[in-house]
Amino acid sequence: MHLETDRLVLRPWRLDEAPRVLDILGRVEVARWLGDGEPDLLTDLDGARAKIESWHAIEAPRGVWAVEVKETGVPAGSVMLVGIPDSDGLVQIGWNLHPDSHGHGYAAEAARALLDHGLAVGMGEIRALTHLDNRPSIRVAERVGMRDLGTTELWYDSPSRLFIVP
């Protein structure tokens, strides 16, 4: 999949971008919002390459894509449509950006484009699950028009804020 917005290109991560993936997912301030429990930090380039290869193995139309800033050619982070664990096939959208890319509206712009794509290919309901105190991600979900269904204790060990579209 390859999508473009005014400022961004959503495309598969390349193996030669492993240093950027490591720089993003090796940071506590990013990884703390991903999954349950203690942050699972990437620690080396081999791990980053393995992560990229695992993203390539996700069956379309699901996946994890780089959010490339057109002006610089540098990936700001990732946007994804992936399964919710133990949910019987439900899909969630997610995003994570390098701290140097915060505050530009990239997450909302990428998420909106990916939501539109997911709905266009017939994915049906798409959810977003955030940590209860992850205000930036909550704002992104609200900004892209997702409906706030409140707190859920389904799917993850800790409670999550649940958003849905359509």
N, C-alpha and C. Protein backbone atom coordinates (compact mmCIF):
# COMPACT_ATOMS: atom_id res chain seq x y z
N MET A 1 0.83 -1.18 0.00
CA MET A 1 0.00 0.00 0.00
C MET A 1 0.88 1.24 0.00
N HIS A 2 0.43 2.22 -0.72
CA HIS A 2 1.12 3.50 -0.82
C HIS A 2 0.03 4.57 -0.88
N LEU A 3 -0.03 5.44 0.15
CA LEU A 3 -1.01 6.52 0.19
C LEU A 3 -0.28 7.84 0.32
N GLU A 4 -0.88 8.89 -0.23
CA GLU A 4 -0.29 10.22 -0.09
C GLU A 4 -1.32 11.19 0.43
N THR A 5 -0.86 12.12 1.26
CA THR A 5 -1.66 13.27 1.68
C THR A 5 -0.91 14.50 1.20
N ASP A 6 -1.35 15.66 1.60
CA ASP A 6 -0.65 16.88 1.19
C ASP A 6 0.81 16.88 1.63
N ARG A 7 1.06 16.38 2.86
CA ARG A 7 2.41 16.48 3.41
C ARG A 7 3.11 15.15 3.64
N LEU A 8 2.38 14.04 3.51
CA LEU A 8 2.92 12.75 3.92
C LEU A 8 2.79 11.68 2.84
N VAL A 9 3.65 10.68 2.94
CA VAL A 9 3.55 9.46 2.15
C VAL A 9 3.50 8.31 3.16
N LEU A 10 2.46 7.47 3.04
CA LEU A 10 2.37 6.26 3.86
C LEU A 10 2.80 5.11 2.97
N ARG A 11 3.83 4.41 3.39
CA ARG A 11 4.44 3.37 2.55
C ARG A 11 5.11 2.35 3.46
N PRO A 12 5.44 1.17 2.90
CA PRO A 12 6.14 0.18 3.71
C PRO A 12 7.50 0.71 4.20
N TRP A 13 7.87 0.30 5.40
CA TRP A 13 9.21 0.59 5.90
C TRP A 13 10.23 -0.18 5.06
N ARG A 14 11.39 0.41 4.87
CA ARG A 14 12.50 -0.25 4.16
C ARG A 14 13.53 -0.74 5.19
N LEU A 15 14.18 -1.84 4.88
CA LEU A 15 15.18 -2.39 5.81
C LEU A 15 16.31 -1.39 6.09
N ASP A 16 16.65 -0.54 5.11
CA ASP A 16 17.72 0.43 5.35
C ASP A 16 17.29 1.55 6.30
N GLU A 17 16.02 1.54 6.70
CA GLU A 17 15.53 2.52 7.68
C GLU A 17 15.52 1.96 9.10
N ALA A 18 16.18 0.82 9.29
CA ALA A 18 16.26 0.23 10.63
C ALA A 18 16.83 1.21 11.67
N PRO A 19 17.82 2.06 11.35
CA PRO A 19 18.29 3.00 12.36
C PRO A 19 17.18 3.96 12.85
N ARG A 20 16.31 4.37 11.96
CA ARG A 20 15.21 5.25 12.37
C ARG A 20 14.20 4.49 13.23
N VAL A 21 13.88 3.25 12.85
CA VAL A 21 12.98 2.42 13.66
C VAL A 21 13.57 2.22 15.05
N LEU A 22 14.86 1.93 15.12
CA LEU A 22 15.54 1.76 16.41
C LEU A 22 15.47 3.06 17.22
N ASP A 23 15.67 4.18 16.56
CA ASP A 23 15.63 5.48 17.26
C ASP A 23 14.22 5.78 17.79
N ILE A 24 13.20 5.29 17.13
CA ILE A 24 11.82 5.51 17.58
C ILE A 24 11.45 4.50 18.67
N LEU A 25 11.57 3.22 18.36
CA LEU A 25 11.08 2.18 19.28
C LEU A 25 12.09 1.82 20.36
N GLY A 26 13.24 2.46 20.36
CA GLY A 26 14.21 2.31 21.44
C GLY A 26 14.05 3.38 22.51
N ARG A 27 13.04 4.21 22.38
CA ARG A 27 12.80 5.32 23.32
C ARG A 27 11.66 4.98 24.27
N VAL A 28 11.90 5.15 25.55
CA VAL A 28 10.87 4.91 26.56
C VAL A 28 9.66 5.79 26.30
N GLU A 29 9.88 7.05 25.92
CA GLU A 29 8.76 7.98 25.74
C GLU A 29 7.85 7.59 24.58
N VAL A 30 8.30 6.71 23.70
CA VAL A 30 7.46 6.17 22.63
C VAL A 30 6.91 4.81 23.05
N ALA A 31 7.81 3.91 23.44
CA ALA A 31 7.44 2.52 23.73
C ALA A 31 6.51 2.39 24.93
N ARG A 32 6.49 3.34 25.82
CA ARG A 32 5.63 3.24 27.01
C ARG A 32 4.15 3.19 26.65
N TRP A 33 3.80 3.69 25.48
CA TRP A 33 2.40 3.72 25.06
C TRP A 33 2.00 2.49 24.24
N LEU A 34 2.94 1.61 23.97
CA LEU A 34 2.68 0.47 23.10
C LEU A 34 2.50 -0.79 23.93
N GLY A 35 1.31 -1.33 23.96
CA GLY A 35 1.06 -2.56 24.69
C GLY A 35 0.94 -2.36 26.19
N ASP A 36 0.97 -3.47 26.91
CA ASP A 36 0.83 -3.49 28.36
C ASP A 36 2.17 -3.61 29.06
N GLY A 37 2.18 -3.28 30.33
CA GLY A 37 3.34 -3.52 31.17
C GLY A 37 4.50 -2.60 30.87
N GLU A 38 5.68 -3.08 31.25
CA GLU A 38 6.90 -2.30 31.03
C GLU A 38 7.16 -2.14 29.54
N PRO A 39 7.68 -0.98 29.13
CA PRO A 39 7.99 -0.78 27.72
C PRO A 39 8.98 -1.82 27.21
N ASP A 40 8.72 -2.34 26.02
CA ASP A 40 9.59 -3.31 25.37
C ASP A 40 10.42 -2.55 24.34
N LEU A 41 11.61 -2.12 24.77
CA LEU A 41 12.45 -1.27 23.93
C LEU A 41 13.27 -2.08 22.93
N LEU A 42 13.36 -1.58 21.71
CA LEU A 42 14.33 -2.13 20.76
C LEU A 42 15.71 -1.71 21.23
N THR A 43 16.69 -2.59 21.07
CA THR A 43 18.03 -2.28 21.58
C THR A 43 19.13 -2.34 20.54
N ASP A 44 18.82 -2.88 19.34
CA ASP A 44 19.88 -2.97 18.34
C ASP A 44 19.29 -3.00 16.93
N LEU A 45 20.16 -2.82 15.95
CA LEU A 45 19.72 -2.77 14.56
C LEU A 45 19.16 -4.10 14.07
N ASP A 46 19.69 -5.21 14.56
CA ASP A 46 19.13 -6.51 14.16
C ASP A 46 17.69 -6.62 14.61
N GLY A 47 17.38 -6.15 15.82
CA GLY A 47 16.01 -6.15 16.31
C GLY A 47 15.12 -5.24 15.49
N ALA A 48 15.65 -4.09 15.07
CA ALA A 48 14.88 -3.16 14.25
C ALA A 48 14.60 -3.76 12.87
N ARG A 49 15.59 -4.43 12.29
CA ARG A 49 15.37 -5.09 11.00
C ARG A 49 14.34 -6.21 11.13
N ALA A 50 14.42 -6.97 12.20
CA ALA A 50 13.44 -8.05 12.44
C ALA A 50 12.05 -7.46 12.60
N LYS A 51 11.93 -6.33 13.25
CA LYS A 51 10.64 -5.66 13.41
C LYS A 51 10.08 -5.26 12.05
N ILE A 52 10.90 -4.66 11.20
CA ILE A 52 10.46 -4.28 9.86
C ILE A 52 10.01 -5.52 9.07
N GLU A 53 10.78 -6.58 9.14
CA GLU A 53 10.41 -7.81 8.43
C GLU A 53 9.09 -8.37 8.95
N SER A 54 8.85 -8.26 10.26
CA SER A 54 7.57 -8.73 10.81
C SER A 54 6.42 -7.88 10.29
N TRP A 55 6.66 -6.60 10.09
CA TRP A 55 5.61 -5.72 9.54
C TRP A 55 5.31 -6.12 8.10
N HIS A 56 6.34 -6.47 7.34
CA HIS A 56 6.16 -6.87 5.94
C HIS A 56 5.35 -8.16 5.85
N ALA A 57 5.40 -8.99 6.89
CA ALA A 57 4.71 -10.28 6.87
C ALA A 57 3.22 -10.18 7.21
N ILE A 58 2.75 -9.02 7.64
CA ILE A 58 1.33 -8.85 7.98
C ILE A 58 0.52 -8.89 6.69
N GLU A 59 -0.52 -9.67 6.70
CA GLU A 59 -1.33 -9.86 5.50
C GLU A 59 -2.21 -8.65 5.21
N ALA A 60 -2.13 -8.14 3.98
CA ALA A 60 -2.92 -6.99 3.54
C ALA A 60 -4.41 -7.33 3.64
N PRO A 61 -5.27 -6.38 3.92
CA PRO A 61 -5.02 -4.94 3.93
C PRO A 61 -4.48 -4.40 5.26
N ARG A 62 -4.21 -5.28 6.21
CA ARG A 62 -3.60 -4.84 7.46
C ARG A 62 -2.13 -4.58 7.24
N GLY A 63 -1.51 -3.89 8.20
CA GLY A 63 -0.08 -3.65 8.08
C GLY A 63 0.39 -2.51 8.95
N VAL A 64 1.70 -2.27 8.85
CA VAL A 64 2.37 -1.16 9.53
C VAL A 64 3.14 -0.42 8.47
N TRP A 65 2.93 0.90 8.39
CA TRP A 65 3.55 1.70 7.34
C TRP A 65 4.34 2.86 7.91
N ALA A 66 5.39 3.23 7.21
CA ALA A 66 6.16 4.42 7.55
C ALA A 66 5.33 5.64 7.18
N VAL A 67 5.43 6.67 8.01
CA VAL A 67 4.81 7.97 7.75
C VAL A 67 5.94 8.90 7.35
N GLU A 68 6.17 8.99 6.04
CA GLU A 68 7.28 9.79 5.52
C GLU A 68 6.82 11.23 5.29
N VAL A 69 7.61 12.16 5.76
CA VAL A 69 7.34 13.58 5.54
C VAL A 69 7.88 13.93 4.15
N LYS A 70 7.00 14.35 3.25
CA LYS A 70 7.41 14.63 1.86
C LYS A 70 8.55 15.64 1.80
N GLU A 71 8.47 16.67 2.60
CA GLU A 71 9.44 17.77 2.54
C GLU A 71 10.87 17.30 2.84
N THR A 72 11.01 16.30 3.73
CA THR A 72 12.34 15.87 4.16
C THR A 72 12.70 14.46 3.69
N GLY A 73 11.70 13.64 3.38
CA GLY A 73 11.95 12.24 3.05
C GLY A 73 12.21 11.36 4.26
N VAL A 74 12.12 11.92 5.45
CA VAL A 74 12.40 11.19 6.69
C VAL A 74 11.10 10.65 7.28
N PRO A 75 11.08 9.37 7.67
CA PRO A 75 9.89 8.86 8.35
C PRO A 75 9.71 9.52 9.72
N ALA A 76 8.52 10.05 9.93
CA ALA A 76 8.17 10.65 11.22
C ALA A 76 7.85 9.57 12.23
N GLY A 77 7.40 8.42 11.76
CA GLY A 77 7.00 7.32 12.62
C GLY A 77 6.21 6.31 11.83
N SER A 78 5.26 5.66 12.52
CA SER A 78 4.46 4.59 11.91
C SER A 78 2.98 4.83 12.12
N VAL A 79 2.20 4.26 11.21
CA VAL A 79 0.75 4.17 11.36
C VAL A 79 0.39 2.74 10.99
N MET A 80 -0.63 2.19 11.66
CA MET A 80 -0.91 0.78 11.47
C MET A 80 -2.38 0.43 11.56
N LEU A 81 -2.74 -0.60 10.84
CA LEU A 81 -4.02 -1.29 10.98
C LEU A 81 -3.65 -2.73 11.30
N VAL A 82 -3.93 -3.14 12.53
CA VAL A 82 -3.53 -4.46 13.01
C VAL A 82 -4.66 -5.08 13.81
N GLY A 83 -4.57 -6.37 14.04
CA GLY A 83 -5.57 -7.05 14.84
C GLY A 83 -5.46 -6.69 16.31
N ILE A 84 -6.59 -6.73 16.99
CA ILE A 84 -6.61 -6.56 18.43
C ILE A 84 -6.40 -7.96 19.03
N PRO A 85 -5.46 -8.11 19.95
CA PRO A 85 -5.20 -9.44 20.52
C PRO A 85 -6.46 -10.05 21.14
N ASP A 86 -6.65 -11.34 20.91
CA ASP A 86 -7.76 -12.11 21.52
C ASP A 86 -9.13 -11.47 21.28
N SER A 87 -9.34 -10.92 20.08
CA SER A 87 -10.60 -10.22 19.80
C SER A 87 -11.43 -10.89 18.72
N ASP A 88 -11.00 -12.00 18.20
CA ASP A 88 -11.73 -12.68 17.14
C ASP A 88 -11.78 -11.85 15.85
N GLY A 89 -10.63 -11.21 15.52
CA GLY A 89 -10.52 -10.56 14.22
C GLY A 89 -10.79 -9.07 14.17
N LEU A 90 -11.03 -8.42 15.30
CA LEU A 90 -11.26 -6.98 15.28
C LEU A 90 -9.98 -6.24 14.90
N VAL A 91 -10.15 -5.07 14.28
CA VAL A 91 -9.02 -4.29 13.76
C VAL A 91 -8.89 -2.99 14.56
N GLN A 92 -7.64 -2.63 14.84
CA GLN A 92 -7.37 -1.35 15.47
C GLN A 92 -6.38 -0.55 14.63
N ILE A 93 -6.55 0.75 14.71
CA ILE A 93 -5.59 1.66 14.10
C ILE A 93 -4.68 2.16 15.22
N GLY A 94 -3.44 2.40 14.85
CA GLY A 94 -2.50 2.95 15.82
C GLY A 94 -1.48 3.83 15.12
N TRP A 95 -0.73 4.56 15.92
CA TRP A 95 0.28 5.47 15.39
C TRP A 95 1.33 5.68 16.47
N ASN A 96 2.53 5.90 16.04
CA ASN A 96 3.60 6.35 16.94
C ASN A 96 4.60 7.15 16.13
N LEU A 97 5.07 8.21 16.73
CA LEU A 97 5.98 9.12 16.04
C LEU A 97 7.23 9.35 16.88
N HIS A 98 8.31 9.64 16.20
CA HIS A 98 9.54 10.07 16.87
C HIS A 98 9.25 11.42 17.55
N PRO A 99 9.79 11.66 18.74
CA PRO A 99 9.55 12.96 19.40
C PRO A 99 9.90 14.17 18.54
N ASP A 100 10.85 14.04 17.60
CA ASP A 100 11.18 15.19 16.75
C ASP A 100 10.09 15.50 15.74
N SER A 101 9.07 14.65 15.67
CA SER A 101 7.97 14.85 14.72
C SER A 101 6.65 15.20 15.41
N HIS A 102 6.68 15.34 16.72
CA HIS A 102 5.46 15.72 17.44
C HIS A 102 5.10 17.18 17.17
N GLY A 103 3.82 17.48 17.27
CA GLY A 103 3.37 18.86 17.19
C GLY A 103 3.14 19.41 15.80
N HIS A 104 3.21 18.56 14.78
CA HIS A 104 3.02 19.02 13.40
C HIS A 104 1.71 18.53 12.79
N GLY A 105 0.95 17.73 13.54
CA GLY A 105 -0.29 17.18 13.01
C GLY A 105 -0.11 15.96 12.13
N TYR A 106 1.11 15.39 12.10
CA TYR A 106 1.37 14.24 11.24
C TYR A 106 0.55 13.01 11.64
N ALA A 107 0.43 12.76 12.95
CA ALA A 107 -0.30 11.57 13.39
C ALA A 107 -1.75 11.63 12.92
N ALA A 108 -2.41 12.75 13.10
CA ALA A 108 -3.81 12.88 12.69
C ALA A 108 -3.94 12.79 11.16
N GLU A 109 -3.04 13.42 10.45
CA GLU A 109 -3.10 13.39 8.98
C GLU A 109 -2.92 11.96 8.46
N ALA A 110 -1.96 11.24 9.02
CA ALA A 110 -1.72 9.86 8.60
C ALA A 110 -2.88 8.95 9.02
N ALA A 111 -3.36 9.13 10.24
CA ALA A 111 -4.47 8.30 10.73
C ALA A 111 -5.72 8.51 9.89
N ARG A 112 -6.03 9.74 9.54
CA ARG A 112 -7.22 10.00 8.73
C ARG A 112 -7.10 9.31 7.37
N ALA A 113 -5.93 9.41 6.74
CA ALA A 113 -5.73 8.77 5.44
C ALA A 113 -5.86 7.26 5.56
N LEU A 114 -5.31 6.68 6.63
CA LEU A 114 -5.37 5.23 6.80
C LEU A 114 -6.78 4.77 7.15
N LEU A 115 -7.50 5.54 7.96
CA LEU A 115 -8.90 5.21 8.24
C LEU A 115 -9.72 5.20 6.95
N ASP A 116 -9.55 6.23 6.14
CA ASP A 116 -10.28 6.30 4.87
C ASP A 116 -9.96 5.08 4.01
N HIS A 117 -8.69 4.71 3.95
CA HIS A 117 -8.28 3.54 3.18
C HIS A 117 -8.92 2.26 3.74
N GLY A 118 -8.84 2.08 5.05
CA GLY A 118 -9.40 0.89 5.68
C GLY A 118 -10.89 0.75 5.43
N LEU A 119 -11.60 1.85 5.51
CA LEU A 119 -13.04 1.82 5.26
C LEU A 119 -13.32 1.56 3.77
N ALA A 120 -12.51 2.13 2.89
CA ALA A 120 -12.70 1.94 1.45
C ALA A 120 -12.48 0.50 1.01
N VAL A 121 -11.60 -0.22 1.71
CA VAL A 121 -11.35 -1.62 1.35
C VAL A 121 -12.23 -2.58 2.14
N GLY A 122 -13.22 -2.03 2.85
CA GLY A 122 -14.22 -2.88 3.51
C GLY A 122 -13.85 -3.45 4.85
N MET A 123 -12.99 -2.77 5.60
CA MET A 123 -12.60 -3.28 6.91
C MET A 123 -13.71 -3.14 7.95
N GLY A 124 -14.74 -2.39 7.66
CA GLY A 124 -15.83 -2.23 8.63
C GLY A 124 -15.42 -1.36 9.79
N GLU A 125 -15.81 -1.74 10.99
CA GLU A 125 -15.49 -0.94 12.16
C GLU A 125 -13.99 -1.03 12.47
N ILE A 126 -13.40 0.12 12.69
CA ILE A 126 -11.99 0.20 13.07
C ILE A 126 -11.93 0.88 14.43
N ARG A 127 -11.17 0.30 15.32
CA ARG A 127 -11.06 0.81 16.68
C ARG A 127 -9.69 1.44 16.91
N ALA A 128 -9.64 2.30 17.90
CA ALA A 128 -8.36 2.78 18.44
C ALA A 128 -8.43 2.55 19.94
N LEU A 129 -7.35 2.03 20.49
CA LEU A 129 -7.25 1.79 21.93
C LEU A 129 -6.05 2.57 22.43
N THR A 130 -6.28 3.41 23.44
CA THR A 130 -5.18 4.20 23.99
C THR A 130 -5.07 3.95 25.49
N HIS A 131 -3.89 4.19 26.01
CA HIS A 131 -3.75 4.21 27.47
C HIS A 131 -4.62 5.35 27.99
N LEU A 132 -5.16 5.19 29.17
CA LEU A 132 -6.09 6.18 29.71
C LEU A 132 -5.46 7.57 29.85
N ASP A 133 -4.15 7.62 30.07
CA ASP A 133 -3.48 8.91 30.28
C ASP A 133 -2.68 9.38 29.06
N ASN A 134 -2.91 8.76 27.91
CA ASN A 134 -2.19 9.16 26.69
C ASN A 134 -2.98 10.26 25.97
N ARG A 135 -2.93 11.45 26.53
CA ARG A 135 -3.69 12.59 25.98
C ARG A 135 -3.37 12.87 24.51
N PRO A 136 -2.12 12.82 24.08
CA PRO A 136 -1.87 13.09 22.65
C PRO A 136 -2.60 12.11 21.72
N SER A 137 -2.60 10.82 22.04
CA SER A 137 -3.29 9.86 21.18
C SER A 137 -4.80 10.00 21.28
N ILE A 138 -5.30 10.33 22.44
CA ILE A 138 -6.74 10.59 22.60
C ILE A 138 -7.14 11.76 21.70
N ARG A 139 -6.32 12.80 21.69
CA ARG A 139 -6.62 13.96 20.84
C ARG A 139 -6.59 13.60 19.36
N VAL A 140 -5.65 12.74 18.96
CA VAL A 140 -5.60 12.31 17.56
C VAL A 140 -6.89 11.57 17.20
N ALA A 141 -7.30 10.62 18.04
CA ALA A 141 -8.53 9.86 17.76
C ALA A 141 -9.73 10.80 17.65
N GLU A 142 -9.81 11.78 18.52
CA GLU A 142 -10.91 12.75 18.45
C GLU A 142 -10.80 13.60 17.19
N ARG A 143 -9.60 14.03 16.86
CA ARG A 143 -9.38 14.91 15.71
C ARG A 143 -9.77 14.24 14.39
N VAL A 144 -9.60 12.92 14.30
CA VAL A 144 -9.92 12.23 13.06
C VAL A 144 -11.37 11.74 13.04
N GLY A 145 -12.16 12.13 14.03
CA GLY A 145 -13.59 11.84 14.01
C GLY A 145 -14.00 10.50 14.58
N MET A 146 -13.13 9.86 15.35
CA MET A 146 -13.52 8.60 15.96
C MET A 146 -14.44 8.88 17.15
N ARG A 147 -15.38 7.98 17.37
CA ARG A 147 -16.35 8.13 18.46
C ARG A 147 -15.78 7.52 19.73
N ASP A 148 -15.81 8.28 20.82
CA ASP A 148 -15.29 7.85 22.11
C ASP A 148 -16.32 6.96 22.80
N LEU A 149 -15.97 5.69 23.02
CA LEU A 149 -16.86 4.76 23.72
C LEU A 149 -16.48 4.60 25.18
N GLY A 150 -15.54 5.40 25.66
CA GLY A 150 -15.17 5.35 27.08
C GLY A 150 -14.10 4.31 27.35
N THR A 151 -14.10 3.82 28.57
CA THR A 151 -13.08 2.89 29.05
C THR A 151 -13.52 1.45 28.84
N THR A 152 -12.57 0.62 28.43
CA THR A 152 -12.82 -0.82 28.29
C THR A 152 -11.72 -1.59 29.01
N GLU A 153 -12.08 -2.75 29.50
CA GLU A 153 -11.09 -3.64 30.10
C GLU A 153 -10.92 -4.90 29.26
N LEU A 154 -11.44 -4.86 28.05
CA LEU A 154 -11.28 -5.97 27.11
C LEU A 154 -9.90 -5.90 26.46
N TRP A 155 -9.36 -7.05 26.09
CA TRP A 155 -8.21 -7.21 25.21
C TRP A 155 -6.85 -6.96 25.83
N TYR A 156 -6.69 -6.04 26.74
CA TYR A 156 -5.39 -5.78 27.34
C TYR A 156 -5.49 -5.92 28.86
N ASP A 157 -4.35 -6.08 29.51
CA ASP A 157 -4.34 -6.28 30.97
C ASP A 157 -4.80 -5.03 31.71
N SER A 158 -4.48 -3.86 31.19
CA SER A 158 -4.91 -2.62 31.84
C SER A 158 -6.07 -2.00 31.05
N PRO A 159 -6.86 -1.17 31.72
CA PRO A 159 -7.97 -0.50 31.02
C PRO A 159 -7.45 0.38 29.88
N SER A 160 -8.26 0.51 28.85
CA SER A 160 -7.94 1.33 27.68
C SER A 160 -9.10 2.26 27.38
N ARG A 161 -8.79 3.36 26.72
CA ARG A 161 -9.82 4.22 26.17
C ARG A 161 -10.12 3.70 24.78
N LEU A 162 -11.40 3.48 24.47
CA LEU A 162 -11.83 2.87 23.22
C LEU A 162 -12.51 3.90 22.33
N PHE A 163 -12.03 3.96 21.10
CA PHE A 163 -12.63 4.81 20.07
C PHE A 163 -13.00 3.92 18.89
N ILE A 164 -13.98 4.35 18.10
CA ILE A 164 -14.44 3.54 16.96
C ILE A 164 -14.85 4.43 15.80
N VAL A 165 -14.68 3.92 14.60
CA VAL A 165 -15.19 4.53 13.39
C VAL A 165 -15.73 3.39 12.54
N PRO A 166 -16.81 3.46 11.84
CA PRO A 166 -17.61 4.67 11.66
C PRO A 166 -18.51 4.90 12.86
